[in-house]
Amino acid sequence: MSAWPSLPLAEWADTYATLHRWSQVVGKVRLACATPINHWWHVTLYVTSRGLTTSPIPHGDRSFQIDFDFVDHRLTITTSDGDARALALGPMTVADFYRAVMAALEELDLPVRIWPMPVEIPDPIVRFTEDREHASYDPDAVNRFWRILIQADRVLTGFRGRFLGKASPSHFFWGGFDLAATRFSGRAAPPHPGGIPNVGDFVAVEGYSHELSSAGFWPGGGGIDDAAFYAYAYPEPPGFREARVEPAEAYYHDAMRLFLLPYEAMRRAGDPDRALLGFLQSTYEAAADKAGWDRAALER
């Protein structure tokens, strides 16, 4: 079994669209209850040895946790007082998934209200409560997606360990459906202009309040045809896009304003970890050097 499995977007596009919306239902539950943390770090999900988790969420003097299990294909909700509910994951409409999750929370005496509208998805006309179009679930593709997240999380976490300054954990943003890790220079940034689909501009202003270099994994869609690792800087310093980065397959995407390393090129490299670390390091160095970060103070 390959550590970095193949995952062409065309093979699981329908499942991807469904799972993206399911993850937003769960993520919005965390958003509704969690204590705010800078850059929206309180809303993310985290990679586990079986899938994705919210980590503990406070609810009064209790806490609860929601876990996607992509091995046995179950969603579980567990509470700090020992109660639990489970939902089998299989072909199911977003509307049915939403109702099942909310019903389980009510049964556990954990009432939560969320805005049932997809975010960061172009033209999200249908609310979760009414979405009967997205109902696909390919367990093999979902498992391969999670296995990629396991490896990407491992490498991103190791890369984070090289940095002494403020840095995010490797965490999963359910809005963009990407795993990301971010480093900060310590300096404030100009207000972000916003413009993220179906998201208030204040979200981007908070998320990008300070100068940063960010990288992560995205399974594709939108502006790119397939899965890729990405890296960008905010604000983008002059000369960043012209920087020479590693490996040779990496390139700057003008429309998206970031560097991309196609996932398939990375996984086929003789040493995928080395190729990915080369991409992370070289794009970070391009951002830090072009923007004049104090690298001597920030790096181990």
Protein backbone atom coordinates (compact mmCIF):
# COMPACT_ATOMS: atom_id res chain seq x y z
CA MET A 1 0.00 0.00 0.00
CA SER A 2 1.49 3.32 -1.07
CA ALA A 3 2.08 5.94 1.62
CA TRP A 4 1.03 8.56 -0.94
CA PRO A 5 -1.92 7.02 -2.82
CA SER A 6 -3.21 8.24 -6.15
CA LEU A 7 -6.33 10.42 -6.01
CA PRO A 8 -7.33 11.91 -9.39
CA LEU A 9 -10.06 14.49 -8.86
CA ALA A 10 -12.23 13.02 -11.62
CA GLU A 11 -12.45 9.71 -9.74
CA TRP A 12 -14.18 11.17 -6.70
CA ALA A 13 -15.50 14.62 -7.64
CA ASP A 14 -19.07 13.84 -6.53
CA THR A 15 -17.92 12.34 -3.23
CA TYR A 16 -15.58 15.28 -2.69
CA ALA A 17 -18.45 17.74 -3.15
CA THR A 18 -20.61 15.82 -0.66
CA LEU A 19 -17.87 15.36 1.93
CA HIS A 20 -16.92 19.03 1.64
CA ARG A 21 -20.43 20.02 2.70
CA TRP A 22 -20.58 17.40 5.47
CA SER A 23 -17.33 18.76 6.88
CA GLN A 24 -18.84 22.25 6.89
CA VAL A 25 -21.82 21.06 8.93
CA VAL A 26 -19.44 19.64 11.54
CA GLY A 27 -17.06 22.58 11.34
CA LYS A 28 -19.88 25.08 11.84
CA VAL A 29 -20.90 23.25 15.00
CA ARG A 30 -17.39 23.84 16.32
CA LEU A 31 -17.53 27.47 15.16
CA ALA A 32 -20.79 27.99 17.07
CA CYS A 33 -19.40 26.73 20.39
CA ALA A 34 -15.61 27.13 20.49
CA THR A 35 -13.80 30.01 22.18
CA PRO A 36 -12.49 32.39 19.48
CA ILE A 37 -8.76 32.22 18.71
CA ASN A 38 -6.80 34.51 16.39
CA HIS A 39 -6.92 33.78 12.64
CA TRP A 40 -9.98 31.51 13.13
CA TRP A 41 -7.83 28.72 14.52
CA HIS A 42 -10.74 27.73 16.78
CA VAL A 43 -12.86 26.52 13.84
CA THR A 44 -10.51 24.02 12.19
CA LEU A 45 -10.52 20.23 12.17
CA TYR A 46 -7.48 18.05 12.88
CA VAL A 47 -6.10 14.90 11.27
CA THR A 48 -6.32 11.76 13.43
CA SER A 49 -5.18 8.16 13.07
CA ARG A 50 -8.62 7.36 11.65
CA GLY A 51 -9.91 10.54 10.02
CA LEU A 52 -10.68 14.09 11.13
CA THR A 53 -11.76 15.48 14.49
CA THR A 54 -13.09 18.70 15.95
CA SER A 55 -11.07 18.08 19.15
CA PRO A 56 -13.00 18.82 22.40
CA ILE A 57 -15.66 21.53 22.03
CA PRO A 58 -16.99 23.31 25.16
CA HIS A 59 -20.74 23.31 25.82
CA GLY A 60 -21.53 24.84 29.19
CA ASP A 61 -19.60 22.86 31.79
CA ARG A 62 -19.45 19.83 29.46
CA SER A 63 -17.47 19.18 26.32
CA PHE A 64 -18.06 17.06 23.25
CA GLN A 65 -16.13 15.93 20.19
CA ILE A 66 -17.15 14.99 16.65
CA ASP A 67 -14.99 12.54 14.72
CA PHE A 68 -15.01 11.42 11.11
CA ASP A 69 -13.72 7.84 10.97
CA PHE A 70 -12.56 7.15 7.41
CA VAL A 71 -11.46 3.60 8.24
CA ASP A 72 -14.77 2.18 9.48
CA HIS A 73 -16.70 5.05 7.85
CA ARG A 74 -18.59 6.35 10.83
CA LEU A 75 -19.26 9.73 12.38
CA THR A 76 -19.18 9.67 16.18
CA ILE A 77 -20.16 12.29 18.73
CA THR A 78 -18.77 11.67 22.22
CA THR A 79 -19.30 13.70 25.39
CA SER A 80 -17.23 14.36 28.50
CA ASP A 81 -19.87 12.64 30.63
CA GLY A 82 -19.56 9.36 28.76
CA ASP A 83 -22.47 9.46 26.32
CA ALA A 84 -22.14 8.95 22.57
CA ARG A 85 -23.97 8.70 19.27
CA ALA A 86 -22.78 7.26 15.94
CA LEU A 87 -23.81 7.61 12.32
CA ALA A 88 -22.76 5.28 9.50
CA LEU A 89 -21.17 7.12 6.57
CA GLY A 90 -22.37 6.08 3.16
CA PRO A 91 -24.33 7.54 0.24
CA MET A 92 -26.54 10.14 1.93
CA THR A 93 -27.83 13.57 1.01
CA VAL A 94 -26.40 16.61 2.72
CA ALA A 95 -29.89 17.34 4.03
CA ASP A 96 -30.13 13.90 5.67
CA PHE A 97 -26.61 14.22 7.11
CA TYR A 98 -27.45 17.62 8.56
CA ARG A 99 -30.64 16.33 10.17
CA ALA A 100 -28.89 13.27 11.60
CA VAL A 101 -26.08 15.32 13.16
CA MET A 102 -28.45 17.88 14.65
CA ALA A 103 -30.76 15.17 15.98
CA ALA A 104 -27.82 13.39 17.64
CA LEU A 105 -26.71 16.62 19.29
CA GLU A 106 -30.24 17.22 20.59
CA GLU A 107 -30.39 13.67 21.99
CA LEU A 108 -27.12 14.32 23.81
CA ASP A 109 -28.55 17.56 25.26
CA LEU A 110 -26.12 19.60 23.16
CA PRO A 111 -28.37 21.97 21.22
CA VAL A 112 -26.43 23.97 18.63
CA ARG A 113 -27.63 26.44 16.00
CA ILE A 114 -25.58 27.06 12.87
CA TRP A 115 -26.01 29.07 9.69
CA PRO A 116 -26.90 26.18 7.31
CA MET A 117 -25.31 27.68 4.21
CA PRO A 118 -22.13 26.45 2.48
CA VAL A 119 -19.19 28.85 2.41
CA GLU A 120 -16.19 29.25 0.10
CA ILE A 121 -18.13 27.41 -2.62
CA PRO A 122 -19.08 29.35 -5.76
CA ASP A 123 -22.84 29.86 -6.16
CA PRO A 124 -23.91 27.92 -3.02
CA ILE A 125 -27.61 28.31 -3.74
CA VAL A 126 -28.87 25.40 -1.64
CA ARG A 127 -28.77 25.31 2.15
CA PHE A 128 -27.64 22.15 3.93
CA THR A 129 -31.23 21.63 5.02
CA GLU A 130 -32.42 21.44 1.41
CA ASP A 131 -29.43 19.91 -0.39
CA ARG A 132 -30.54 16.61 -1.92
CA GLU A 133 -28.24 16.87 -4.91
CA HIS A 134 -24.98 15.97 -3.16
CA ALA A 135 -25.28 12.42 -1.87
CA SER A 136 -22.22 10.47 -3.05
CA TYR A 137 -19.81 8.54 -0.84
CA ASP A 138 -17.03 6.39 -2.24
CA PRO A 139 -15.35 4.84 0.84
CA ASP A 140 -12.18 3.88 -1.02
CA ALA A 141 -11.63 7.40 -2.34
CA VAL A 142 -12.38 8.93 1.06
CA ASN A 143 -9.90 6.55 2.69
CA ARG A 144 -7.22 7.48 0.14
CA PHE A 145 -7.90 11.17 0.76
CA TRP A 146 -7.43 10.64 4.51
CA ARG A 147 -4.22 8.67 3.92
CA ILE A 148 -2.84 11.64 1.99
CA LEU A 149 -3.83 13.92 4.86
CA ILE A 150 -1.98 11.65 7.30
CA GLN A 151 1.24 11.99 5.30
CA ALA A 152 0.81 15.69 4.57
CA ASP A 153 0.10 16.40 8.24
CA ARG A 154 3.27 14.51 9.22
CA VAL A 155 5.47 16.52 6.85
CA LEU A 156 3.82 19.87 7.62
CA THR A 157 4.19 19.27 11.36
CA GLY A 158 7.87 18.43 10.93
CA PHE A 159 8.32 21.57 8.85
CA ARG A 160 6.63 23.62 11.59
CA GLY A 161 9.23 22.34 14.05
CA ARG A 162 11.99 24.22 12.22
CA PHE A 163 10.39 27.57 13.08
CA LEU A 164 10.68 29.46 16.38
CA GLY A 165 8.25 32.26 15.61
CA LYS A 166 4.47 32.16 15.75
CA ALA A 167 3.20 29.27 13.64
CA SER A 168 -0.13 27.52 13.31
CA PRO A 169 -0.59 23.81 13.83
CA SER A 170 -1.24 21.71 10.76
CA HIS A 171 -5.01 21.98 10.62
CA PHE A 172 -7.89 21.35 8.22
CA PHE A 173 -9.99 24.29 7.06
CA TRP A 174 -13.43 22.97 6.15
CA GLY A 175 -14.27 26.14 4.19
CA GLY A 176 -11.60 25.60 1.56
CA PHE A 177 -11.32 21.85 2.28
CA ASP A 178 -7.55 22.09 2.65
CA LEU A 179 -4.88 21.15 5.17
CA ALA A 180 -2.68 24.13 5.99
CA ALA A 181 0.20 25.31 8.17
CA THR A 182 1.20 28.97 8.46
CA ARG A 183 4.25 30.89 9.67
CA PHE A 184 4.17 34.54 10.77
CA SER A 185 6.86 37.23 10.67
CA GLY A 186 5.46 39.01 13.72
CA ARG A 187 4.51 42.14 11.78
CA ALA A 188 1.01 43.43 11.09
CA ALA A 189 -0.32 43.19 7.53
CA PRO A 190 -2.52 45.59 5.56
CA PRO A 191 -6.24 44.76 5.71
CA HIS A 192 -7.13 41.90 3.40
CA PRO A 193 -9.55 42.92 0.61
CA GLY A 194 -11.77 39.87 1.16
CA GLY A 195 -13.79 38.52 -1.73
CA ILE A 196 -13.95 34.87 -0.63
CA PRO A 197 -17.18 33.31 -2.03
CA ASN A 198 -20.12 33.58 0.38
CA VAL A 199 -17.91 34.73 3.26
CA GLY A 200 -17.96 38.13 4.96
CA ASP A 201 -14.85 40.20 4.31
CA PHE A 202 -14.25 40.43 8.07
CA VAL A 203 -13.29 36.74 8.01
CA ALA A 204 -10.34 37.35 5.68
CA VAL A 205 -9.37 40.54 7.53
CA GLU A 206 -8.98 38.54 10.75
CA GLY A 207 -7.37 35.53 9.08
CA TYR A 208 -4.74 37.66 7.35
CA SER A 209 -4.21 40.32 10.01
CA HIS A 210 -0.46 39.62 10.19
CA GLU A 211 2.26 39.01 7.61
CA LEU A 212 2.51 35.32 6.79
CA SER A 213 3.81 32.47 4.68
CA SER A 214 1.35 29.63 4.32
CA ALA A 215 1.43 26.20 2.69
CA GLY A 216 -0.81 23.18 2.51
CA PHE A 217 -2.58 20.45 0.56
CA TRP A 218 -5.74 20.87 -1.48
CA PRO A 219 -7.50 18.04 -3.37
CA GLY A 220 -8.25 20.28 -6.34
CA GLY A 221 -11.20 21.97 -7.99
CA GLY A 222 -11.86 25.60 -8.79
CA GLY A 223 -8.77 27.03 -10.39
CA ILE A 224 -6.78 23.80 -10.69
CA ASP A 225 -7.60 20.48 -12.29
CA ASP A 226 -6.17 18.10 -9.70
CA ALA A 227 -4.74 17.76 -6.20
CA ALA A 228 -1.75 19.91 -5.33
CA PHE A 229 0.35 21.35 -2.58
CA TYR A 230 0.27 25.15 -2.50
CA ALA A 231 2.27 27.98 -0.94
CA TYR A 232 1.66 31.72 -0.84
CA ALA A 233 2.60 34.88 1.06
CA TYR A 234 0.38 37.66 2.39
CA PRO A 235 1.00 40.37 1.57
CA GLU A 236 2.84 39.05 -1.46
CA PRO A 237 6.23 40.81 -1.56
CA PRO A 238 7.69 42.14 -4.81
CA GLY A 239 9.61 39.46 -6.68
CA PHE A 240 7.93 36.54 -4.90
CA ARG A 241 6.28 35.11 -8.00
CA GLU A 242 9.57 35.18 -9.93
CA ALA A 243 11.45 33.25 -7.23
CA ARG A 244 13.04 29.92 -8.15
CA VAL A 245 11.52 27.19 -6.02
CA GLU A 246 11.86 23.43 -5.72
CA PRO A 247 11.23 20.91 -7.17
CA ALA A 248 11.28 21.59 -10.91
CA GLU A 249 7.57 20.68 -11.28
CA ALA A 250 6.48 23.54 -9.00
CA TYR A 251 5.19 26.70 -10.66
CA TYR A 252 3.48 30.00 -9.90
CA HIS A 253 -0.25 30.17 -10.75
CA ASP A 254 -0.98 33.75 -11.81
CA ALA A 255 -4.75 33.65 -11.30
CA MET A 256 -4.57 32.09 -7.83
CA ARG A 257 -1.44 34.06 -6.85
CA LEU A 258 0.39 31.15 -5.29
CA PHE A 259 2.92 28.43 -6.02
CA LEU A 260 1.62 24.95 -6.82
CA LEU A 261 3.30 21.55 -6.70
CA PRO A 262 1.06 18.99 -8.45
CA TYR A 263 0.38 16.14 -6.06
CA GLU A 264 0.95 13.51 -8.72
CA ALA A 265 4.41 14.91 -9.49
CA MET A 266 5.30 14.89 -5.80
CA ARG A 267 4.11 11.34 -5.14
CA ARG A 268 6.01 10.01 -8.17
CA ALA A 269 9.28 11.59 -7.07
CA GLY A 270 12.04 9.23 -5.98
CA ASP A 271 11.75 10.67 -2.46
CA PRO A 272 8.30 12.30 -2.05
CA ASP A 273 9.05 13.63 1.44
CA ARG A 274 12.21 15.34 0.19
CA ALA A 275 10.37 16.83 -2.79
CA LEU A 276 7.62 18.19 -0.56
CA LEU A 277 10.02 19.59 2.05
CA GLY A 278 11.98 21.23 -0.76
CA PHE A 279 8.79 22.92 -1.93
CA LEU A 280 7.85 24.06 1.59
CA GLN A 281 11.31 25.38 2.39
CA SER A 282 12.01 27.11 -0.91
CA THR A 283 8.63 28.87 -1.06
CA TYR A 284 8.98 29.98 2.57
CA GLU A 285 12.48 31.31 1.88
CA ALA A 286 11.16 33.21 -1.13
CA ALA A 287 8.46 34.83 1.01
CA ALA A 288 10.73 35.56 3.98
CA ASP A 289 13.68 36.86 1.98
CA LYS A 290 11.63 39.04 -0.37
CA ALA A 291 9.73 40.55 2.59
CA GLY A 292 12.79 40.98 4.82
CA TRP A 293 11.80 38.70 7.70
CA ASP A 294 14.25 38.40 10.61
CA ARG A 295 15.08 34.81 9.76
CA ALA A 296 17.95 34.56 12.26
CA ALA A 297 15.51 35.18 15.11
CA LEU A 298 12.63 33.14 13.69
CA GLU A 299 14.30 29.92 12.60
CA ARG A 300 15.75 27.05 14.59
